[in-house]
Amino acid sequence: MLKKLGWLSVLCICAQALARDASPSWVEVRSAHFTVLTDSSEKRGRQLLDQFERMRWVFQTLFPSS
């Protein structure tokens, strides 16, 4: 029982070390109206930002007085 607990402890410590080393790098992309934080590429963040800006333009066009 004690031997199994020891191996489980070693396994948990190794898994924790691997998880700590595999932390994603975050990218921040900004426009005039939005800020996007993503763990994807900068290109994907800019695509998402472009979609947000387009939706903002649609709502601003449909509801100009709001």
C-alpha atoms as a PDB file:
ATOM      1  CA  MET A   1       0.000   0.000   0.000  1.00  0.00           C
ATOM      2  CA  LEU A   2       2.773   2.411   0.943  1.00  0.00           C
ATOM      3  CA  LYS A   3       4.685   1.574  -2.234  1.00  0.00           C
ATOM      4  CA  LYS A   4       1.598   2.330  -4.386  1.00  0.00           C
ATOM      5  CA  LEU A   5       1.128   5.635  -2.595  1.00  0.00           C
ATOM      6  CA  GLY A   6       4.756   6.529  -3.248  1.00  0.00           C
ATOM      7  CA  TRP A   7       4.430   5.816  -6.979  1.00  0.00           C
ATOM      8  CA  LEU A   8       1.199   7.806  -7.105  1.00  0.00           C
ATOM      9  CA  SER A   9       2.968  10.757  -5.477  1.00  0.00           C
ATOM     10  CA  VAL A  10       5.810  10.585  -8.010  1.00  0.00           C
ATOM     11  CA  LEU A  11       3.311  10.406 -10.872  1.00  0.00           C
ATOM     12  CA  CYS A  12       1.402  13.436  -9.570  1.00  0.00           C
ATOM     13  CA  ILE A  13       4.594  15.472  -9.167  1.00  0.00           C
ATOM     14  CA  CYS A  14       5.696  14.623 -12.730  1.00  0.00           C
ATOM     15  CA  ALA A  15       2.275  15.469 -14.167  1.00  0.00           C
ATOM     16  CA  GLN A  16       2.254  18.774 -12.311  1.00  0.00           C
ATOM     17  CA  ALA A  17       5.709  19.663 -13.645  1.00  0.00           C
ATOM     18  CA  LEU A  18       4.647  18.849 -17.211  1.00  0.00           C
ATOM     19  CA  ALA A  19       1.468  20.897 -16.882  1.00  0.00           C
ATOM     20  CA  ARG A  20       3.433  23.868 -15.559  1.00  0.00           C
ATOM     21  CA  ASP A  21       5.890  23.724 -18.480  1.00  0.00           C
ATOM     22  CA  ALA A  22       3.124  23.491 -21.096  1.00  0.00           C
ATOM     23  CA  SER A  23       1.528  26.831 -20.285  1.00  0.00           C
ATOM     24  CA  PRO A  24       0.097  28.528 -23.386  1.00  0.00           C
ATOM     25  CA  SER A  25       1.409  31.830 -24.602  1.00  0.00           C
ATOM     26  CA  TRP A  26      -1.301  34.482 -24.764  1.00  0.00           C
ATOM     27  CA  VAL A  27      -1.568  37.100 -27.495  1.00  0.00           C
ATOM     28  CA  GLU A  28      -3.364  40.419 -27.072  1.00  0.00           C
ATOM     29  CA  VAL A  29      -4.824  42.075 -30.178  1.00  0.00           C
ATOM     30  CA  ARG A  30      -6.543  45.480 -30.045  1.00  0.00           C
ATOM     31  CA  SER A  31      -8.736  47.596 -32.240  1.00  0.00           C
ATOM     32  CA  ALA A  32     -10.433  50.919 -31.606  1.00  0.00           C
ATOM     33  CA  HIS A  33     -13.367  49.225 -29.850  1.00  0.00           C
ATOM     34  CA  PHE A  34     -12.279  45.741 -28.760  1.00  0.00           C
ATOM     35  CA  THR A  35      -9.438  43.870 -27.094  1.00  0.00           C
ATOM     36  CA  VAL A  36      -9.022  40.158 -27.782  1.00  0.00           C
ATOM     37  CA  LEU A  37      -6.866  37.854 -25.655  1.00  0.00           C
ATOM     38  CA  THR A  38      -6.227  34.483 -27.248  1.00  0.00           C
ATOM     39  CA  ASP A  39      -3.944  31.507 -26.842  1.00  0.00           C
ATOM     40  CA  SER A  40      -4.138  30.969 -30.601  1.00  0.00           C
ATOM     41  CA  SER A  41      -2.042  32.741 -33.217  1.00  0.00           C
ATOM     42  CA  GLU A  42      -1.995  36.486 -33.769  1.00  0.00           C
ATOM     43  CA  LYS A  43      -3.510  35.926 -37.220  1.00  0.00           C
ATOM     44  CA  ARG A  44      -6.499  34.109 -35.710  1.00  0.00           C
ATOM     45  CA  GLY A  45      -6.890  36.853 -33.114  1.00  0.00           C
ATOM     46  CA  ARG A  46      -7.002  39.499 -35.858  1.00  0.00           C
ATOM     47  CA  GLN A  47      -9.610  37.477 -37.757  1.00  0.00           C
ATOM     48  CA  LEU A  48     -11.763  37.332 -34.652  1.00  0.00           C
ATOM     49  CA  LEU A  49     -11.253  41.036 -34.035  1.00  0.00           C
ATOM     50  CA  ASP A  50     -12.335  41.747 -37.612  1.00  0.00           C
ATOM     51  CA  GLN A  51     -15.539  39.762 -37.038  1.00  0.00           C
ATOM     52  CA  PHE A  52     -16.264  41.746 -33.862  1.00  0.00           C
ATOM     53  CA  GLU A  53     -15.755  45.022 -35.720  1.00  0.00           C
ATOM     54  CA  ARG A  54     -18.057  43.882 -38.547  1.00  0.00           C
ATOM     55  CA  MET A  55     -20.794  42.947 -36.076  1.00  0.00           C
ATOM     56  CA  ARG A  56     -20.371  46.289 -34.370  1.00  0.00           C
ATOM     57  CA  TRP A  57     -20.776  48.007 -37.742  1.00  0.00           C
ATOM     58  CA  VAL A  58     -23.961  45.989 -38.449  1.00  0.00           C
ATOM     59  CA  PHE A  59     -25.535  46.946 -35.133  1.00  0.00           C
ATOM     60  CA  GLN A  60     -24.480  50.560 -35.506  1.00  0.00           C
ATOM     61  CA  THR A  61     -26.039  50.650 -38.990  1.00  0.00           C
ATOM     62  CA  LEU A  62     -29.284  48.963 -37.924  1.00  0.00           C
ATOM     63  CA  PHE A  63     -29.696  50.947 -34.702  1.00  0.00           C
ATOM     64  CA  PRO A  64     -28.037  54.335 -35.291  1.00  0.00           C
ATOM     65  CA  SER A  65     -29.826  56.207 -32.489  1.00  0.00           C
ATOM     66  CA  SER A  66     -28.952  53.743 -29.706  1.00  0.00           C
END
